[in-house]
């Protein structure tokens, strides 16, 4: 059985696009697929899920509760507790574990809030 080649027909709507336009179209379409998934994650995460993420990042179980509570108190849960720890570790040039321990001790929370002030 031979497949009919319909590539030329299917590509007509993009045939005249430049490489830059194709690149932009690709990322626009990708965003249409990924953005709803990210929104689901932001709206449907739970403290339990966030603690599980932190545990897999190497943060102790005692510290995960404190970090998740800190994220909830500061309305950062929509960004993900792991993301908060990651951003703090990068901002302070420390390991993820060190950032987690510091956040659990109550340090760097003002910095964490400032890092997400733009919504990212």
PDB file of N, CA and C in Angstrom:
ATOM      1  N   UNK A   1       0.839  -1.170   0.000  1.00  0.00           N
ATOM      2  CA  UNK A   1       0.000   0.000   0.000  1.00  0.00           C
ATOM      3  C   UNK A   1       0.893   1.245   0.000  1.00  0.00           C
ATOM      4  N   UNK A   2       0.694   2.075  -0.928  1.00  0.00           N
ATOM      5  CA  UNK A   2       1.485   3.289  -1.052  1.00  0.00           C
ATOM      6  C   UNK A   2       0.688   4.481  -0.517  1.00  0.00           C
ATOM      7  N   UNK A   3       1.350   5.267   0.283  1.00  0.00           N
ATOM      8  CA  UNK A   3       0.717   6.442   0.862  1.00  0.00           C
ATOM      9  C   UNK A   3       0.766   7.590  -0.139  1.00  0.00           C
ATOM     10  N   UNK A   4      -0.345   8.234  -0.291  1.00  0.00           N
ATOM     11  CA  UNK A   4      -0.385   9.398  -1.171  1.00  0.00           C
ATOM     12  C   UNK A   4       0.343  10.545  -0.483  1.00  0.00           C
ATOM     13  N   UNK A   5       1.271  11.157  -1.188  1.00  0.00           N
ATOM     14  CA  UNK A   5       2.042  12.251  -0.617  1.00  0.00           C
ATOM     15  C   UNK A   5       1.265  13.548  -0.776  1.00  0.00           C
ATOM     16  N   UNK A   6       0.823  14.110   0.349  1.00  0.00           N
ATOM     17  CA  UNK A   6       0.044  15.340   0.310  1.00  0.00           C
ATOM     18  C   UNK A   6       0.772  16.497   0.993  1.00  0.00           C
ATOM     19  N   UNK A   7       2.093  16.360   1.123  1.00  0.00           N
ATOM     20  CA  UNK A   7       2.888  17.382   1.797  1.00  0.00           C
ATOM     21  C   UNK A   7       2.723  18.756   1.143  1.00  0.00           C
ATOM     22  N   UNK A   8       2.812  18.802  -0.166  1.00  0.00           N
ATOM     23  CA  UNK A   8       2.703  20.082  -0.879  1.00  0.00           C
ATOM     24  C   UNK A   8       1.357  20.748  -0.597  1.00  0.00           C
ATOM     25  N   UNK A   9       0.323  19.955  -0.521  1.00  0.00           N
ATOM     26  CA  UNK A   9      -1.017  20.494  -0.257  1.00  0.00           C
ATOM     27  C   UNK A   9      -1.131  20.999   1.185  1.00  0.00           C
ATOM     28  N   UNK A  10      -0.597  20.219   2.122  1.00  0.00           N
ATOM     29  CA  UNK A  10      -0.710  20.580   3.538  1.00  0.00           C
ATOM     30  C   UNK A  10       0.130  21.792   3.915  1.00  0.00           C
ATOM     31  N   UNK A  11       1.172  22.093   3.166  1.00  0.00           N
ATOM     32  CA  UNK A  11       2.050  23.197   3.530  1.00  0.00           C
ATOM     33  C   UNK A  11       1.720  24.497   2.815  1.00  0.00           C
ATOM     34  N   UNK A  12       0.676  24.521   2.045  1.00  0.00           N
ATOM     35  CA  UNK A  12       0.343  25.725   1.275  1.00  0.00           C
ATOM     36  C   UNK A  12       0.178  26.959   2.163  1.00  0.00           C
ATOM     37  N   UNK A  13      -0.439  26.800   3.324  1.00  0.00           N
ATOM     38  CA  UNK A  13      -0.700  27.946   4.194  1.00  0.00           C
ATOM     39  C   UNK A  13       0.565  28.525   4.838  1.00  0.00           C
ATOM     40  N   UNK A  14       1.685  27.799   4.771  1.00  0.00           N
ATOM     41  CA  UNK A  14       2.931  28.316   5.332  1.00  0.00           C
ATOM     42  C   UNK A  14       4.043  28.431   4.289  1.00  0.00           C
ATOM     43  N   UNK A  15       3.744  28.124   3.065  1.00  0.00           N
ATOM     44  CA  UNK A  15       4.768  28.074   2.018  1.00  0.00           C
ATOM     45  C   UNK A  15       5.488  29.401   1.816  1.00  0.00           C
ATOM     46  N   UNK A  16       4.828  30.514   2.001  1.00  0.00           N
ATOM     47  CA  UNK A  16       5.429  31.819   1.737  1.00  0.00           C
ATOM     48  C   UNK A  16       6.006  32.494   2.974  1.00  0.00           C
ATOM     49  N   UNK A  17       6.062  31.785   4.074  1.00  0.00           N
ATOM     50  CA  UNK A  17       6.607  32.372   5.299  1.00  0.00           C
ATOM     51  C   UNK A  17       8.129  32.306   5.297  1.00  0.00           C
ATOM     52  N   UNK A  18       8.757  33.351   5.833  1.00  0.00           N
ATOM     53  CA  UNK A  18      10.222  33.361   5.966  1.00  0.00           C
ATOM     54  C   UNK A  18      10.608  32.440   7.127  1.00  0.00           C
ATOM     55  N   UNK A  19      11.907  32.201   7.249  1.00  0.00           N
ATOM     56  CA  UNK A  19      12.381  31.378   8.368  1.00  0.00           C
ATOM     57  C   UNK A  19      11.996  32.004   9.707  1.00  0.00           C
ATOM     58  N   UNK A  20      12.117  33.314   9.809  1.00  0.00           N
ATOM     59  CA  UNK A  20      11.759  33.994  11.053  1.00  0.00           C
ATOM     60  C   UNK A  20      10.256  33.866  11.332  1.00  0.00           C
ATOM     61  N   UNK A  21       9.444  33.998  10.309  1.00  0.00           N
ATOM     62  CA  UNK A  21       7.991  33.858  10.479  1.00  0.00           C
ATOM     63  C   UNK A  21       7.620  32.425  10.863  1.00  0.00           C
ATOM     64  N   UNK A  22       8.304  31.450  10.268  1.00  0.00           N
ATOM     65  CA  UNK A  22       8.060  30.050  10.644  1.00  0.00           C
ATOM     66  C   UNK A  22       8.465  29.802  12.096  1.00  0.00           C
ATOM     67  N   UNK A  23       9.596  30.366  12.474  1.00  0.00           N
ATOM     68  CA  UNK A  23      10.078  30.238  13.849  1.00  0.00           C
ATOM     69  C   UNK A  23       9.044  30.816  14.811  1.00  0.00           C
ATOM     70  N   UNK A  24       8.565  32.021  14.545  1.00  0.00           N
ATOM     71  CA  UNK A  24       7.568  32.661  15.408  1.00  0.00           C
ATOM     72  C   UNK A  24       6.265  31.885  15.426  1.00  0.00           C
ATOM     73  N   UNK A  25       5.853  31.373  14.288  1.00  0.00           N
ATOM     74  CA  UNK A  25       4.621  30.570  14.217  1.00  0.00           C
ATOM     75  C   UNK A  25       4.749  29.318  15.070  1.00  0.00           C
ATOM     76  N   UNK A  26       5.907  28.668  14.983  1.00  0.00           N
ATOM     77  CA  UNK A  26       6.157  27.474  15.789  1.00  0.00           C
ATOM     78  C   UNK A  26       5.966  27.780  17.277  1.00  0.00           C
ATOM     79  N   UNK A  27       6.597  28.864  17.761  1.00  0.00           N
ATOM     80  CA  UNK A  27       6.521  29.179  19.183  1.00  0.00           C
ATOM     81  C   UNK A  27       5.130  29.651  19.580  1.00  0.00           C
ATOM     82  N   UNK A  28       4.422  30.304  18.682  1.00  0.00           N
ATOM     83  CA  UNK A  28       3.031  30.689  18.968  1.00  0.00           C
ATOM     84  C   UNK A  28       2.153  29.458  19.132  1.00  0.00           C
ATOM     85  N   UNK A  29       2.323  28.501  18.241  1.00  0.00           N
ATOM     86  CA  UNK A  29       1.539  27.262  18.324  1.00  0.00           C
ATOM     87  C   UNK A  29       1.917  26.453  19.567  1.00  0.00           C
ATOM     88  N   UNK A  30       3.207  26.433  19.881  1.00  0.00           N
ATOM     89  CA  UNK A  30       3.662  25.730  21.082  1.00  0.00           C
ATOM     90  C   UNK A  30       3.038  26.346  22.327  1.00  0.00           C
ATOM     91  N   UNK A  31       2.994  27.665  22.377  1.00  0.00           N
ATOM     92  CA  UNK A  31       2.386  28.345  23.522  1.00  0.00           C
ATOM     93  C   UNK A  31       0.911  27.993  23.642  1.00  0.00           C
ATOM     94  N   UNK A  32       0.224  27.858  22.521  1.00  0.00           N
ATOM     95  CA  UNK A  32      -1.199  27.498  22.556  1.00  0.00           C
ATOM     96  C   UNK A  32      -1.404  26.115  23.171  1.00  0.00           C
ATOM     97  N   UNK A  33      -0.430  25.236  23.008  1.00  0.00           N
ATOM     98  CA  UNK A  33      -0.525  23.895  23.576  1.00  0.00           C
ATOM     99  C   UNK A  33      -0.110  23.897  25.046  1.00  0.00           C
ATOM    100  N   UNK A  34       0.984  24.582  25.352  1.00  0.00           N
ATOM    101  CA  UNK A  34       1.579  24.505  26.683  1.00  0.00           C
ATOM    102  C   UNK A  34       0.892  25.418  27.701  1.00  0.00           C
ATOM    103  N   UNK A  35       0.483  26.597  27.297  1.00  0.00           N
ATOM    104  CA  UNK A  35      -0.094  27.549  28.253  1.00  0.00           C
ATOM    105  C   UNK A  35      -1.274  26.990  29.047  1.00  0.00           C
ATOM    106  N   UNK A  36      -2.215  26.290  28.421  1.00  0.00           N
ATOM    107  CA  UNK A  36      -3.305  25.706  29.228  1.00  0.00           C
ATOM    108  C   UNK A  36      -2.808  24.674  30.242  1.00  0.00           C
ATOM    109  N   UNK A  37      -1.752  23.943  29.898  1.00  0.00           N
ATOM    110  CA  UNK A  37      -1.200  22.973  30.843  1.00  0.00           C
ATOM    111  C   UNK A  37      -0.563  23.676  32.036  1.00  0.00           C
ATOM    112  N   UNK A  38       0.161  24.754  31.765  1.00  0.00           N
ATOM    113  CA  UNK A  38       0.753  25.520  32.859  1.00  0.00           C
ATOM    114  C   UNK A  38      -0.324  26.128  33.746  1.00  0.00           C
ATOM    115  N   UNK A  39      -1.375  26.609  33.132  1.00  0.00           N
ATOM    116  CA  UNK A  39      -2.476  27.197  33.903  1.00  0.00           C
ATOM    117  C   UNK A  39      -3.143  26.150  34.794  1.00  0.00           C
ATOM    118  N   UNK A  40      -3.302  24.938  34.274  1.00  0.00           N
ATOM    119  CA  UNK A  40      -3.849  23.854  35.093  1.00  0.00           C
ATOM    120  C   UNK A  40      -2.968  23.591  36.306  1.00  0.00           C
ATOM    121  N   UNK A  41      -1.665  23.572  36.077  1.00  0.00           N
ATOM    122  CA  UNK A  41      -0.731  23.347  37.176  1.00  0.00           C
ATOM    123  C   UNK A  41      -0.803  24.447  38.217  1.00  0.00           C
ATOM    124  N   UNK A  42      -0.925  25.687  37.764  1.00  0.00           N
ATOM    125  CA  UNK A  42      -1.005  26.812  38.704  1.00  0.00           C
ATOM    126  C   UNK A  42      -2.272  26.749  39.554  1.00  0.00           C
ATOM    127  N   UNK A  43      -3.358  26.383  38.936  1.00  0.00           N
ATOM    128  CA  UNK A  43      -4.643  26.412  39.630  1.00  0.00           C
ATOM    129  C   UNK A  43      -4.937  25.147  40.423  1.00  0.00           C
ATOM    130  N   UNK A  44      -4.273  24.064  40.101  1.00  0.00           N
ATOM    131  CA  UNK A  44      -4.654  22.792  40.684  1.00  0.00           C
ATOM    132  C   UNK A  44      -3.571  22.125  41.519  1.00  0.00           C
ATOM    133  N   UNK A  45      -2.533  22.854  41.867  1.00  0.00           N
ATOM    134  CA  UNK A  45      -1.521  22.251  42.715  1.00  0.00           C
ATOM    135  C   UNK A  45      -2.041  22.169  44.147  1.00  0.00           C
ATOM    136  N   UNK A  46      -1.414  21.327  44.910  1.00  0.00           N
ATOM    137  CA  UNK A  46      -1.793  21.166  46.314  1.00  0.00           C
ATOM    138  C   UNK A  46      -0.537  21.184  47.169  1.00  0.00           C
ATOM    139  N   UNK A  47      -0.673  21.444  48.448  1.00  0.00           N
ATOM    140  CA  UNK A  47       0.505  21.369  49.310  1.00  0.00           C
ATOM    141  C   UNK A  47       1.191  20.005  49.230  1.00  0.00           C
ATOM    142  N   UNK A  48       0.415  18.952  49.126  1.00  0.00           N
ATOM    143  CA  UNK A  48       0.989  17.615  49.033  1.00  0.00           C
ATOM    144  C   UNK A  48       1.845  17.452  47.783  1.00  0.00           C
ATOM    145  N   UNK A  49       1.348  17.935  46.661  1.00  0.00           N
ATOM    146  CA  UNK A  49       2.111  17.853  45.413  1.00  0.00           C
ATOM    147  C   UNK A  49       3.387  18.677  45.540  1.00  0.00           C
ATOM    148  N   UNK A  50       3.278  19.867  46.092  1.00  0.00           N
ATOM    149  CA  UNK A  50       4.448  20.734  46.228  1.00  0.00           C
ATOM    150  C   UNK A  50       5.487  20.133  47.174  1.00  0.00           C
ATOM    151  N   UNK A  51       5.047  19.495  48.251  1.00  0.00           N
ATOM    152  CA  UNK A  51       5.995  18.821  49.148  1.00  0.00           C
ATOM    153  C   UNK A  51       6.691  17.676  48.422  1.00  0.00           C
ATOM    154  N   UNK A  52       5.946  16.939  47.611  1.00  0.00           N
ATOM    155  CA  UNK A  52       6.538  15.832  46.852  1.00  0.00           C
ATOM    156  C   UNK A  52       7.601  16.341  45.884  1.00  0.00           C
ATOM    157  N   UNK A  53       7.330  17.456  45.241  1.00  0.00           N
ATOM    158  CA  UNK A  53       8.314  18.045  44.324  1.00  0.00           C
ATOM    159  C   UNK A  53       9.579  18.416  45.096  1.00  0.00           C
ATOM    160  N   UNK A  54       9.403  19.064  46.228  1.00  0.00           N
ATOM    161  CA  UNK A  54      10.556  19.477  47.032  1.00  0.00           C
ATOM    162  C   UNK A  54      11.373  18.278  47.513  1.00  0.00           C
ATOM    163  N   UNK A  55      10.690  17.216  47.901  1.00  0.00           N
ATOM    164  CA  UNK A  55      11.401  16.008  48.325  1.00  0.00           C
ATOM    165  C   UNK A  55      12.271  15.471  47.197  1.00  0.00           C
ATOM    166  N   UNK A  56      11.756  15.493  45.977  1.00  0.00           N
ATOM    167  CA  UNK A  56      12.505  14.994  44.828  1.00  0.00           C
ATOM    168  C   UNK A  56      13.656  15.921  44.436  1.00  0.00           C
ATOM    169  N   UNK A  57      13.600  17.130  44.947  1.00  0.00           N
ATOM    170  CA  UNK A  57      14.699  18.075  44.717  1.00  0.00           C
ATOM    171  C   UNK A  57      15.793  17.916  45.774  1.00  0.00           C
ATOM    172  N   UNK A  58      15.583  17.021  46.732  1.00  0.00           N
ATOM    173  CA  UNK A  58      16.587  16.759  47.754  1.00  0.00           C
ATOM    174  C   UNK A  58      16.400  17.545  49.039  1.00  0.00           C
ATOM    175  N   UNK A  59      15.230  18.134  49.205  1.00  0.00           N
ATOM    176  CA  UNK A  59      14.944  18.919  50.414  1.00  0.00           C
ATOM    177  C   UNK A  59      14.375  17.969  51.474  1.00  0.00           C
ATOM    178  N   UNK A  60      14.778  18.152  52.707  1.00  0.00           N
ATOM    179  CA  UNK A  60      14.327  17.249  53.767  1.00  0.00           C
ATOM    180  C   UNK A  60      12.820  17.374  53.988  1.00  0.00           C
ATOM    181  N   UNK A  61      12.232  16.299  54.450  1.00  0.00           N
ATOM    182  CA  UNK A  61      10.781  16.295  54.660  1.00  0.00           C
ATOM    183  C   UNK A  61      10.358  17.317  55.717  1.00  0.00           C
ATOM    184  N   UNK A  62      11.200  17.563  56.708  1.00  0.00           N
ATOM    185  CA  UNK A  62      10.864  18.563  57.721  1.00  0.00           C
ATOM    186  C   UNK A  62      10.844  19.966  57.124  1.00  0.00           C
ATOM    187  N   UNK A  63      11.750  20.229  56.193  1.00  0.00           N
ATOM    188  CA  UNK A  63      11.820  21.553  55.585  1.00  0.00           C
ATOM    189  C   UNK A  63      10.721  21.772  54.544  1.00  0.00           C
ATOM    190  N   UNK A  64      10.263  20.700  53.905  1.00  0.00           N
ATOM    191  CA  UNK A  64       9.259  20.881  52.842  1.00  0.00           C
ATOM    192  C   UNK A  64       7.992  21.527  53.368  1.00  0.00           C
ATOM    193  N   UNK A  65       7.562  21.120  54.554  1.00  0.00           N
ATOM    194  CA  UNK A  65       6.341  21.689  55.130  1.00  0.00           C
ATOM    195  C   UNK A  65       6.494  23.186  55.358  1.00  0.00           C
ATOM    196  N   UNK A  66       7.633  23.590  55.903  1.00  0.00           N
ATOM    197  CA  UNK A  66       7.871  25.007  56.177  1.00  0.00           C
ATOM    198  C   UNK A  66       7.923  25.820  54.885  1.00  0.00           C
ATOM    199  N   UNK A  67       8.541  25.254  53.849  1.00  0.00           N
ATOM    200  CA  UNK A  67       8.643  25.963  52.568  1.00  0.00           C
ATOM    201  C   UNK A  67       7.267  26.106  51.928  1.00  0.00           C
ATOM    202  N   UNK A  68       6.499  25.039  51.932  1.00  0.00           N
ATOM    203  CA  UNK A  68       5.154  25.091  51.339  1.00  0.00           C
ATOM    204  C   UNK A  68       4.283  26.095  52.096  1.00  0.00           C
ATOM    205  N   UNK A  69       4.349  26.080  53.421  1.00  0.00           N
ATOM    206  CA  UNK A  69       3.580  27.061  54.205  1.00  0.00           C
ATOM    207  C   UNK A  69       4.035  28.482  53.885  1.00  0.00           C
ATOM    208  N   UNK A  70       5.343  28.673  53.731  1.00  0.00           N
ATOM    209  CA  UNK A  70       5.861  29.991  53.373  1.00  0.00           C
ATOM    210  C   UNK A  70       5.363  30.440  52.007  1.00  0.00           C
ATOM    211  N   UNK A  71       5.304  29.517  51.069  1.00  0.00           N
ATOM    212  CA  UNK A  71       4.774  29.839  49.737  1.00  0.00           C
ATOM    213  C   UNK A  71       3.289  30.193  49.816  1.00  0.00           C
ATOM    214  N   UNK A  72       2.549  29.440  50.598  1.00  0.00           N
ATOM    215  CA  UNK A  72       1.119  29.721  50.737  1.00  0.00           C
ATOM    216  C   UNK A  72       0.894  31.075  51.396  1.00  0.00           C
ATOM    217  N   UNK A  73       1.650  31.374  52.445  1.00  0.00           N
ATOM    218  CA  UNK A  73       1.495  32.637  53.159  1.00  0.00           C
ATOM    219  C   UNK A  73       1.791  33.838  52.259  1.00  0.00           C
ATOM    220  N   UNK A  74       2.669  33.630  51.270  1.00  0.00           N
ATOM    221  CA  UNK A  74       3.095  34.742  50.418  1.00  0.00           C
ATOM    222  C   UNK A  74       2.485  34.676  49.012  1.00  0.00           C
ATOM    223  N   UNK A  75       1.496  33.814  48.854  1.00  0.00           N
ATOM    224  CA  UNK A  75       0.774  33.662  47.575  1.00  0.00           C
ATOM    225  C   UNK A  75       1.706  33.291  46.423  1.00  0.00           C
ATOM    226  N   UNK A  76       2.648  32.406  46.695  1.00  0.00           N
ATOM    227  CA  UNK A  76       3.589  31.955  45.668  1.00  0.00           C
ATOM    228  C   UNK A  76       3.306  30.540  45.186  1.00  0.00           C
ATOM    229  N   UNK A  77       2.268  29.902  45.722  1.00  0.00           N
ATOM    230  CA  UNK A  77       1.992  28.513  45.355  1.00  0.00           C
ATOM    231  C   UNK A  77       1.740  28.340  43.865  1.00  0.00           C
ATOM    232  N   UNK A  78       1.145  29.321  43.232  1.00  0.00           N
ATOM    233  CA  UNK A  78       0.876  29.220  41.806  1.00  0.00           C
ATOM    234  C   UNK A  78       2.134  29.128  40.972  1.00  0.00           C
ATOM    235  N   UNK A  79       3.258  29.530  41.539  1.00  0.00           N
ATOM    236  CA  UNK A  79       4.533  29.436  40.834  1.00  0.00           C
ATOM    237  C   UNK A  79       5.201  28.093  41.078  1.00  0.00           C
ATOM    238  N   UNK A  80       4.770  27.399  42.119  1.00  0.00           N
ATOM    239  CA  UNK A  80       5.366  26.125  42.484  1.00  0.00           C
ATOM    240  C   UNK A  80       6.452  26.313  43.526  1.00  0.00           C
ATOM    241  N   UNK A  81       6.374  25.559  44.592  1.00  0.00           N
ATOM    242  CA  UNK A  81       7.354  25.676  45.672  1.00  0.00           C
ATOM    243  C   UNK A  81       8.756  25.327  45.179  1.00  0.00           C
ATOM    244  N   UNK A  82       8.853  24.336  44.329  1.00  0.00           N
ATOM    245  CA  UNK A  82      10.160  23.975  43.768  1.00  0.00           C
ATOM    246  C   UNK A  82      10.743  25.095  42.936  1.00  0.00           C
ATOM    247  N   UNK A  83       9.886  25.783  42.194  1.00  0.00           N
ATOM    248  CA  UNK A  83      10.329  26.904  41.382  1.00  0.00           C
ATOM    249  C   UNK A  83      10.837  28.030  42.276  1.00  0.00           C
ATOM    250  N   UNK A  84      10.162  28.256  43.372  1.00  0.00           N
ATOM    251  CA  UNK A  84      10.592  29.286  44.323  1.00  0.00           C
ATOM    252  C   UNK A  84      11.988  28.950  44.836  1.00  0.00           C
ATOM    253  N   UNK A  85      12.185  27.715  45.267  1.00  0.00           N
ATOM    254  CA  UNK A  85      13.491  27.298  45.784  1.00  0.00           C
ATOM    255  C   UNK A  85      14.554  27.435  44.685  1.00  0.00           C
ATOM    256  N   UNK A  86      14.227  26.996  43.486  1.00  0.00           N
ATOM    257  CA  UNK A  86      15.173  27.070  42.368  1.00  0.00           C
ATOM    258  C   UNK A  86      15.586  28.519  42.088  1.00  0.00           C
ATOM    259  N   UNK A  87      14.591  29.422  42.010  1.00  0.00           N
ATOM    260  CA  UNK A  87      14.891  30.828  41.703  1.00  0.00           C
ATOM    261  C   UNK A  87      15.745  31.459  42.803  1.00  0.00           C
ATOM    262  N   UNK A  88      15.451  31.145  44.058  1.00  0.00           N
ATOM    263  CA  UNK A  88      16.255  31.676  45.155  1.00  0.00           C
ATOM    264  C   UNK A  88      17.683  31.134  45.061  1.00  0.00           C
ATOM    265  N   UNK A  89      17.822  29.852  44.744  1.00  0.00           N
ATOM    266  CA  UNK A  89      19.171  29.275  44.657  1.00  0.00           C
ATOM    267  C   UNK A  89      19.980  29.947  43.555  1.00  0.00           C
ATOM    268  N   UNK A  90      19.340  30.236  42.439  1.00  0.00           N
ATOM    269  CA  UNK A  90      20.038  30.910  41.339  1.00  0.00           C
ATOM    270  C   UNK A  90      20.350  32.357  41.701  1.00  0.00           C
ATOM    271  N   UNK A  91      19.407  33.034  42.323  1.00  0.00           N
ATOM    272  CA  UNK A  91      19.593  34.431  42.683  1.00  0.00           C
ATOM    273  C   UNK A  91      20.720  34.600  43.705  1.00  0.00           C
ATOM    274  N   UNK A  92      20.803  33.682  44.640  1.00  0.00           N
ATOM    275  CA  UNK A  92      21.802  33.775  45.715  1.00  0.00           C
ATOM    276  C   UNK A  92      23.082  32.997  45.395  1.00  0.00           C
ATOM    277  N   UNK A  93      23.089  32.317  44.247  1.00  0.00           N
ATOM    278  CA  UNK A  93      24.235  31.508  43.826  1.00  0.00           C
ATOM    279  C   UNK A  93      24.605  30.461  44.888  1.00  0.00           C
ATOM    280  N   UNK A  94      23.577  29.762  45.361  1.00  0.00           N
ATOM    281  CA  UNK A  94      23.749  28.691  46.333  1.00  0.00           C
ATOM    282  C   UNK A  94      23.057  27.445  45.782  1.00  0.00           C
ATOM    283  N   UNK A  95      23.322  26.308  46.400  1.00  0.00           N
ATOM    284  CA  UNK A  95      22.699  25.072  45.934  1.00  0.00           C
ATOM    285  C   UNK A  95      21.202  25.073  46.250  1.00  0.00           C
ATOM    286  N   UNK A  96      20.491  24.209  45.577  1.00  0.00           N
ATOM    287  CA  UNK A  96      19.057  24.077  45.824  1.00  0.00           C
ATOM    288  C   UNK A  96      18.809  23.665  47.275  1.00  0.00           C
ATOM    289  N   UNK A  97      19.604  22.752  47.761  1.00  0.00           N
ATOM    290  CA  UNK A  97      19.438  22.311  49.157  1.00  0.00           C
ATOM    291  C   UNK A  97      19.674  23.468  50.126  1.00  0.00           C
ATOM    292  N   UNK A  98      20.721  24.268  49.875  1.00  0.00           N
ATOM    293  CA  UNK A  98      20.993  25.416  50.742  1.00  0.00           C
ATOM    294  C   UNK A  98      19.854  26.434  50.685  1.00  0.00           C
ATOM    295  N   UNK A  99      19.318  26.645  49.503  1.00  0.00           N
ATOM    296  CA  UNK A  99      18.189  27.581  49.370  1.00  0.00           C
ATOM    297  C   UNK A  99      16.984  27.058  50.130  1.00  0.00           C
ATOM    298  N   UNK A 100      16.717  25.763  50.010  1.00  0.00           N
ATOM    299  CA  UNK A 100      15.595  25.171  50.734  1.00  0.00           C
ATOM    300  C   UNK A 100      15.763  25.283  52.237  1.00  0.00           C
ATOM    301  N   UNK A 101      16.968  25.006  52.719  1.00  0.00           N
ATOM    302  CA  UNK A 101      17.222  25.106  54.153  1.00  0.00           C
ATOM    303  C   UNK A 101      17.052  26.543  54.636  1.00  0.00           C
ATOM    304  N   UNK A 102      17.538  27.496  53.839  1.00  0.00           N
ATOM    305  CA  UNK A 102      17.421  28.904  54.223  1.00  0.00           C
ATOM    306  C   UNK A 102      15.957  29.339  54.265  1.00  0.00           C
ATOM    307  N   UNK A 103      15.190  28.961  53.258  1.00  0.00           N
ATOM    308  CA  UNK A 103      13.765  29.314  53.236  1.00  0.00           C
ATOM    309  C   UNK A 103      13.042  28.683  54.419  1.00  0.00           C
ATOM    310  N   UNK A 104      13.398  27.446  54.756  1.00  0.00           N
ATOM    311  CA  UNK A 104      12.766  26.773  55.897  1.00  0.00           C
ATOM    312  C   UNK A 104      13.086  27.493  57.207  1.00  0.00           C
ATOM    313  N   UNK A 105      14.256  28.131  57.263  1.00  0.00           N
ATOM    314  CA  UNK A 105      14.625  28.909  58.464  1.00  0.00           C
ATOM    315  C   UNK A 105      13.982  30.294  58.463  1.00  0.00           C
ATOM    316  N   UNK A 106      13.309  30.629  57.379  1.00  0.00           N
ATOM    317  CA  UNK A 106      12.658  31.928  57.304  1.00  0.00           C
ATOM    318  C   UNK A 106      13.462  32.990  56.563  1.00  0.00           C
ATOM    319  N   UNK A 107      14.574  32.593  55.972  1.00  0.00           N
ATOM    320  CA  UNK A 107      15.419  33.535  55.241  1.00  0.00           C
ATOM    321  C   UNK A 107      14.981  33.643  53.775  1.00  0.00           C
ATOM    322  N   UNK A 108      15.308  34.751  53.157  1.00  0.00           N
ATOM    323  CA  UNK A 108      15.153  34.996  51.712  1.00  0.00           C
ATOM    324  C   UNK A 108      13.711  35.103  51.221  1.00  0.00           C
ATOM    325  N   UNK A 109      12.728  35.140  52.105  1.00  0.00           N
ATOM    326  CA  UNK A 109      11.347  35.196  51.618  1.00  0.00           C
ATOM    327  C   UNK A 109      11.035  36.508  50.909  1.00  0.00           C
ATOM    328  N   UNK A 110      11.569  37.603  51.414  1.00  0.00           N
ATOM    329  CA  UNK A 110      11.356  38.880  50.726  1.00  0.00           C
ATOM    330  C   UNK A 110      11.972  38.835  49.330  1.00  0.00           C
ATOM    331  N   UNK A 111      13.134  38.209  49.225  1.00  0.00           N
ATOM    332  CA  UNK A 111      13.784  38.056  47.918  1.00  0.00           C
ATOM    333  C   UNK A 111      12.938  37.185  46.998  1.00  0.00           C
ATOM    334  N   UNK A 112      12.387  36.112  47.552  1.00  0.00           N
ATOM    335  CA  UNK A 112      11.555  35.217  46.738  1.00  0.00           C
ATOM    336  C   UNK A 112      10.344  35.949  46.188  1.00  0.00           C
ATOM    337  N   UNK A 113       9.689  36.718  47.033  1.00  0.00           N
ATOM    338  CA  UNK A 113       8.523  37.480  46.589  1.00  0.00           C
ATOM    339  C   UNK A 113       8.934  38.457  45.493  1.00  0.00           C
ATOM    340  N   UNK A 114      10.061  39.127  45.678  1.00  0.00           N
ATOM    341  CA  UNK A 114      10.537  40.096  44.683  1.00  0.00           C
ATOM    342  C   UNK A 114      10.870  39.399  43.365  1.00  0.00           C
ATOM    343  N   UNK A 115      11.414  38.188  43.420  1.00  0.00           N
ATOM    344  CA  UNK A 115      11.764  37.464  42.203  1.00  0.00           C
ATOM    345  C   UNK A 115      10.542  37.148  41.347  1.00  0.00           C
ATOM    346  N   UNK A 116       9.404  36.994  41.986  1.00  0.00           N
ATOM    347  CA  UNK A 116       8.182  36.646  41.261  1.00  0.00           C
ATOM    348  C   UNK A 116       7.241  37.839  41.075  1.00  0.00           C
ATOM    349  N   UNK A 117       7.686  39.017  41.450  1.00  0.00           N
ATOM    350  CA  UNK A 117       6.828  40.199  41.350  1.00  0.00           C
ATOM    351  C   UNK A 117       6.325  40.430  39.934  1.00  0.00           C
ATOM    352  N   UNK A 118       7.146  40.104  38.932  1.00  0.00           N
ATOM    353  CA  UNK A 118       6.744  40.258  37.539  1.00  0.00           C
ATOM    354  C   UNK A 118       5.858  39.124  37.062  1.00  0.00           C
ATOM    355  N   UNK A 119       5.572  38.153  37.926  1.00  0.00           N
ATOM    356  CA  UNK A 119       4.687  37.055  37.554  1.00  0.00           C
ATOM    357  C   UNK A 119       5.386  35.870  36.928  1.00  0.00           C
ATOM    358  N   UNK A 120       6.714  35.838  36.969  1.00  0.00           N
ATOM    359  CA  UNK A 120       7.425  34.727  36.306  1.00  0.00           C
ATOM    360  C   UNK A 120       8.137  33.862  37.299  1.00  0.00           C
TER     361      UNK A 120
END
